[in-house]
Amino acid sequence: MLGSIVVGLLAGVFGGLVCTWVAADDRGLLMLMVLVVVLGVALALAGVPATEGVRPPEVSLMEAMNSGQQPEWLTWLNPVLGVVGAFAGSRLVRNR
């Protein structure tokens, strides 16, 4: 989960950097941030409900890994990380 958080934040920073380089003004960054929030919330709302309980012994480790699910709080944290990362990435470009 920690790796997912780090990758999400770094992806947001990279997206903010690229968006600031490409966009003519601040509206490009704002549009990126709105898009990240809208898509992130849509994915969180459409998420598959988590199954509970202990993995049955007949399910192999590979099958368990393929059907693994992230916690719900992490699904809601991803859009926040994207927006924070995009904002931070845009500030890196503007400060130079």
N, C-alpha and C. Protein backbone atom coordinates (compact mmCIF):
# COMPACT_ATOMS: atom_id res chain seq x y z
N MET A 1 0.82 -1.19 0.00
CA MET A 1 0.00 0.00 0.00
C MET A 1 0.87 1.26 0.00
N LEU A 2 1.97 1.19 0.71
CA LEU A 2 2.87 2.34 0.74
C LEU A 2 3.43 2.61 -0.65
N GLY A 3 3.76 1.55 -1.38
CA GLY A 3 4.24 1.71 -2.75
C GLY A 3 3.21 2.36 -3.64
N SER A 4 1.96 1.99 -3.47
CA SER A 4 0.87 2.58 -4.25
C SER A 4 0.73 4.07 -3.95
N ILE A 5 0.87 4.43 -2.70
CA ILE A 5 0.77 5.84 -2.32
C ILE A 5 1.92 6.64 -2.93
N VAL A 6 3.13 6.11 -2.85
CA VAL A 6 4.30 6.81 -3.41
C VAL A 6 4.16 6.95 -4.92
N VAL A 7 3.78 5.86 -5.60
CA VAL A 7 3.63 5.92 -7.06
C VAL A 7 2.53 6.89 -7.45
N GLY A 8 1.41 6.90 -6.73
CA GLY A 8 0.33 7.84 -7.02
C GLY A 8 0.76 9.29 -6.87
N LEU A 9 1.52 9.55 -5.84
CA LEU A 9 2.00 10.92 -5.63
C LEU A 9 3.00 11.32 -6.70
N LEU A 10 3.92 10.43 -7.03
CA LEU A 10 4.90 10.73 -8.08
C LEU A 10 4.24 10.90 -9.44
N ALA A 11 3.23 10.10 -9.72
CA ALA A 11 2.50 10.25 -10.99
C ALA A 11 1.80 11.61 -11.04
N GLY A 12 1.25 12.04 -9.92
CA GLY A 12 0.63 13.36 -9.87
C GLY A 12 1.63 14.47 -10.09
N VAL A 13 2.80 14.35 -9.49
CA VAL A 13 3.85 15.36 -9.67
C VAL A 13 4.28 15.42 -11.14
N PHE A 14 4.51 14.26 -11.74
CA PHE A 14 4.90 14.22 -13.14
C PHE A 14 3.79 14.80 -14.03
N GLY A 15 2.54 14.47 -13.74
CA GLY A 15 1.42 15.03 -14.50
C GLY A 15 1.35 16.53 -14.38
N GLY A 16 1.58 17.06 -13.17
CA GLY A 16 1.58 18.51 -12.97
C GLY A 16 2.72 19.19 -13.70
N LEU A 17 3.89 18.55 -13.72
CA LEU A 17 5.03 19.10 -14.47
C LEU A 17 4.71 19.19 -15.96
N VAL A 18 4.24 18.09 -16.51
CA VAL A 18 3.94 18.06 -17.95
C VAL A 18 2.82 19.03 -18.28
N CYS A 19 1.79 19.06 -17.48
CA CYS A 19 0.65 19.94 -17.75
C CYS A 19 1.09 21.41 -17.72
N THR A 20 1.94 21.77 -16.79
CA THR A 20 2.39 23.15 -16.70
C THR A 20 3.27 23.52 -17.90
N TRP A 21 4.10 22.58 -18.36
CA TRP A 21 4.92 22.85 -19.54
C TRP A 21 4.07 23.00 -20.79
N VAL A 22 3.00 22.21 -20.90
CA VAL A 22 2.20 22.17 -22.13
C VAL A 22 1.11 23.25 -22.15
N ALA A 23 0.49 23.50 -21.02
CA ALA A 23 -0.65 24.41 -20.97
C ALA A 23 -0.22 25.86 -21.15
N ALA A 24 -1.09 26.62 -21.76
CA ALA A 24 -0.80 28.04 -22.00
C ALA A 24 -0.97 28.87 -20.74
N ASP A 25 -1.86 28.45 -19.84
CA ASP A 25 -2.09 29.21 -18.61
C ASP A 25 -2.51 28.25 -17.50
N ASP A 26 -2.97 28.81 -16.38
CA ASP A 26 -3.33 28.01 -15.21
C ASP A 26 -4.59 27.17 -15.41
N ARG A 27 -5.37 27.46 -16.44
CA ARG A 27 -6.60 26.68 -16.65
C ARG A 27 -6.29 25.23 -16.99
N GLY A 28 -5.15 24.99 -17.64
CA GLY A 28 -4.77 23.61 -17.96
C GLY A 28 -4.57 22.79 -16.71
N LEU A 29 -3.86 23.34 -15.73
CA LEU A 29 -3.65 22.64 -14.47
C LEU A 29 -4.98 22.44 -13.74
N LEU A 30 -5.82 23.46 -13.75
CA LEU A 30 -7.13 23.33 -13.10
C LEU A 30 -7.96 22.24 -13.75
N MET A 31 -7.93 22.17 -15.07
CA MET A 31 -8.68 21.12 -15.77
C MET A 31 -8.13 19.74 -15.43
N LEU A 32 -6.81 19.61 -15.33
CA LEU A 32 -6.21 18.34 -14.95
C LEU A 32 -6.65 17.94 -13.55
N MET A 33 -6.63 18.86 -12.63
CA MET A 33 -7.00 18.54 -11.26
C MET A 33 -8.47 18.16 -11.15
N VAL A 34 -9.34 18.84 -11.89
CA VAL A 34 -10.77 18.49 -11.89
C VAL A 34 -10.97 17.11 -12.49
N LEU A 35 -10.27 16.82 -13.56
CA LEU A 35 -10.37 15.51 -14.20
C LEU A 35 -9.91 14.40 -13.26
N VAL A 36 -8.83 14.62 -12.53
CA VAL A 36 -8.34 13.62 -11.58
C VAL A 36 -9.37 13.37 -10.48
N VAL A 37 -9.98 14.42 -9.98
CA VAL A 37 -10.99 14.27 -8.92
C VAL A 37 -12.22 13.55 -9.44
N VAL A 38 -12.72 13.96 -10.59
CA VAL A 38 -13.94 13.36 -11.15
C VAL A 38 -13.73 11.87 -11.44
N LEU A 39 -12.63 11.54 -12.12
CA LEU A 39 -12.37 10.14 -12.42
C LEU A 39 -12.07 9.33 -11.16
N GLY A 40 -11.35 9.90 -10.23
CA GLY A 40 -11.04 9.19 -8.98
C GLY A 40 -12.28 8.89 -8.16
N VAL A 41 -13.18 9.86 -8.05
CA VAL A 41 -14.42 9.65 -7.31
C VAL A 41 -15.30 8.65 -8.04
N ALA A 42 -15.36 8.73 -9.37
CA ALA A 42 -16.16 7.76 -10.13
C ALA A 42 -15.64 6.35 -9.94
N LEU A 43 -14.33 6.17 -9.97
CA LEU A 43 -13.76 4.83 -9.75
C LEU A 43 -13.99 4.35 -8.32
N ALA A 44 -13.91 5.26 -7.35
CA ALA A 44 -14.14 4.87 -5.96
C ALA A 44 -15.60 4.47 -5.73
N LEU A 45 -16.52 5.19 -6.37
CA LEU A 45 -17.93 4.85 -6.21
C LEU A 45 -18.31 3.56 -6.93
N ALA A 46 -17.62 3.27 -8.03
CA ALA A 46 -17.92 2.07 -8.81
C ALA A 46 -17.10 0.87 -8.35
N GLY A 47 -16.38 1.02 -7.27
CA GLY A 47 -15.49 -0.05 -6.80
C GLY A 47 -16.23 -1.33 -6.45
N VAL A 48 -15.50 -2.41 -6.55
CA VAL A 48 -16.04 -3.73 -6.21
C VAL A 48 -16.04 -3.86 -4.69
N PRO A 49 -17.15 -4.29 -4.10
CA PRO A 49 -17.16 -4.43 -2.65
C PRO A 49 -16.15 -5.49 -2.19
N ALA A 50 -15.47 -5.18 -1.13
CA ALA A 50 -14.44 -6.08 -0.63
C ALA A 50 -15.06 -7.32 0.00
N THR A 51 -14.41 -8.43 -0.22
CA THR A 51 -14.84 -9.66 0.42
C THR A 51 -14.16 -9.76 1.77
N GLU A 52 -14.84 -10.36 2.71
CA GLU A 52 -14.30 -10.45 4.05
C GLU A 52 -14.04 -11.90 4.40
N GLY A 53 -13.23 -12.07 5.38
CA GLY A 53 -12.96 -13.41 5.86
C GLY A 53 -11.58 -13.90 5.47
N VAL A 54 -11.30 -15.10 5.92
CA VAL A 54 -10.00 -15.72 5.67
C VAL A 54 -10.03 -16.44 4.34
N ARG A 55 -8.91 -16.43 3.64
CA ARG A 55 -8.81 -17.12 2.36
C ARG A 55 -8.95 -18.62 2.58
N PRO A 56 -9.87 -19.26 1.84
CA PRO A 56 -10.01 -20.71 1.98
C PRO A 56 -8.73 -21.43 1.55
N PRO A 57 -8.45 -22.58 2.14
CA PRO A 57 -7.19 -23.28 1.83
C PRO A 57 -7.10 -23.77 0.38
N GLU A 58 -8.22 -23.97 -0.30
CA GLU A 58 -8.17 -24.45 -1.68
C GLU A 58 -7.80 -23.36 -2.69
N VAL A 59 -7.80 -22.11 -2.26
CA VAL A 59 -7.41 -21.01 -3.15
C VAL A 59 -5.89 -20.86 -3.06
N SER A 60 -5.25 -20.94 -4.23
CA SER A 60 -3.78 -20.85 -4.25
C SER A 60 -3.34 -19.41 -4.00
N LEU A 61 -2.07 -19.25 -3.70
CA LEU A 61 -1.52 -17.93 -3.46
C LEU A 61 -1.61 -17.06 -4.71
N MET A 62 -1.37 -17.66 -5.88
CA MET A 62 -1.44 -16.91 -7.13
C MET A 62 -2.87 -16.42 -7.39
N GLU A 63 -3.85 -17.26 -7.15
CA GLU A 63 -5.26 -16.84 -7.33
C GLU A 63 -5.61 -15.72 -6.35
N ALA A 64 -5.12 -15.84 -5.13
CA ALA A 64 -5.39 -14.81 -4.13
C ALA A 64 -4.76 -13.48 -4.53
N MET A 65 -3.54 -13.52 -5.08
CA MET A 65 -2.88 -12.28 -5.50
C MET A 65 -3.59 -11.66 -6.70
N ASN A 66 -4.08 -12.47 -7.61
CA ASN A 66 -4.78 -11.94 -8.79
C ASN A 66 -6.12 -11.31 -8.44
N SER A 67 -6.74 -11.76 -7.38
CA SER A 67 -8.04 -11.21 -7.01
C SER A 67 -7.94 -10.30 -5.79
N GLY A 68 -6.73 -9.84 -5.47
CA GLY A 68 -6.54 -8.96 -4.32
C GLY A 68 -7.23 -7.61 -4.53
N GLN A 69 -7.64 -7.02 -3.44
CA GLN A 69 -8.34 -5.73 -3.48
C GLN A 69 -7.66 -4.77 -2.54
N GLN A 70 -7.62 -3.51 -2.97
CA GLN A 70 -7.04 -2.50 -2.10
C GLN A 70 -8.10 -2.01 -1.12
N PRO A 71 -7.69 -1.51 0.03
CA PRO A 71 -8.66 -1.01 1.01
C PRO A 71 -9.45 0.18 0.44
N GLU A 72 -10.64 0.37 0.94
CA GLU A 72 -11.50 1.44 0.43
C GLU A 72 -10.90 2.82 0.69
N TRP A 73 -10.24 3.00 1.82
CA TRP A 73 -9.65 4.30 2.11
C TRP A 73 -8.57 4.67 1.10
N LEU A 74 -7.87 3.67 0.58
CA LEU A 74 -6.85 3.93 -0.42
C LEU A 74 -7.47 4.35 -1.76
N THR A 75 -8.62 3.78 -2.07
CA THR A 75 -9.34 4.17 -3.28
C THR A 75 -9.74 5.64 -3.22
N TRP A 76 -10.13 6.11 -2.06
CA TRP A 76 -10.52 7.52 -1.91
C TRP A 76 -9.31 8.43 -1.77
N LEU A 77 -8.18 7.88 -1.34
CA LEU A 77 -6.98 8.69 -1.20
C LEU A 77 -6.31 8.98 -2.54
N ASN A 78 -6.47 8.10 -3.51
CA ASN A 78 -5.80 8.26 -4.81
C ASN A 78 -6.11 9.59 -5.50
N PRO A 79 -7.37 10.05 -5.60
CA PRO A 79 -7.59 11.36 -6.23
C PRO A 79 -6.96 12.51 -5.46
N VAL A 80 -6.93 12.39 -4.15
CA VAL A 80 -6.31 13.44 -3.33
C VAL A 80 -4.81 13.50 -3.63
N LEU A 81 -4.19 12.33 -3.69
CA LEU A 81 -2.75 12.28 -4.02
C LEU A 81 -2.49 12.84 -5.41
N GLY A 82 -3.36 12.56 -6.35
CA GLY A 82 -3.19 13.07 -7.70
C GLY A 82 -3.26 14.58 -7.76
N VAL A 83 -4.21 15.15 -7.06
CA VAL A 83 -4.37 16.61 -7.07
C VAL A 83 -3.21 17.28 -6.34
N VAL A 84 -2.83 16.76 -5.18
CA VAL A 84 -1.72 17.33 -4.42
C VAL A 84 -0.43 17.21 -5.23
N GLY A 85 -0.22 16.05 -5.85
CA GLY A 85 0.98 15.86 -6.66
C GLY A 85 1.01 16.78 -7.87
N ALA A 86 -0.12 16.94 -8.55
CA ALA A 86 -0.18 17.82 -9.71
C ALA A 86 0.11 19.26 -9.32
N PHE A 87 -0.43 19.69 -8.21
CA PHE A 87 -0.18 21.05 -7.75
C PHE A 87 1.30 21.23 -7.40
N ALA A 88 1.87 20.25 -6.70
CA ALA A 88 3.29 20.33 -6.34
C ALA A 88 4.17 20.32 -7.58
N GLY A 89 3.84 19.49 -8.55
CA GLY A 89 4.62 19.44 -9.79
C GLY A 89 4.57 20.74 -10.55
N SER A 90 3.40 21.37 -10.56
CA SER A 90 3.30 22.66 -11.25
C SER A 90 4.13 23.73 -10.56
N ARG A 91 4.22 23.66 -9.25
CA ARG A 91 5.02 24.64 -8.51
C ARG A 91 6.51 24.44 -8.76
N LEU A 92 6.93 23.21 -9.00
CA LEU A 92 8.33 22.97 -9.30
C LEU A 92 8.76 23.66 -10.59
N VAL A 93 7.87 23.66 -11.58
CA VAL A 93 8.17 24.30 -12.86
C VAL A 93 8.13 25.82 -12.72
N ARG A 94 7.18 26.33 -11.99
CA ARG A 94 7.02 27.79 -11.87
C ARG A 94 8.13 28.42 -11.07
N ASN A 95 8.73 27.68 -10.15
CA ASN A 95 9.78 28.25 -9.31
C ASN A 95 11.11 28.41 -10.05
N ARG A 96 11.22 27.80 -11.22
CA ARG A 96 12.47 27.89 -11.97
C ARG A 96 12.47 29.04 -12.92
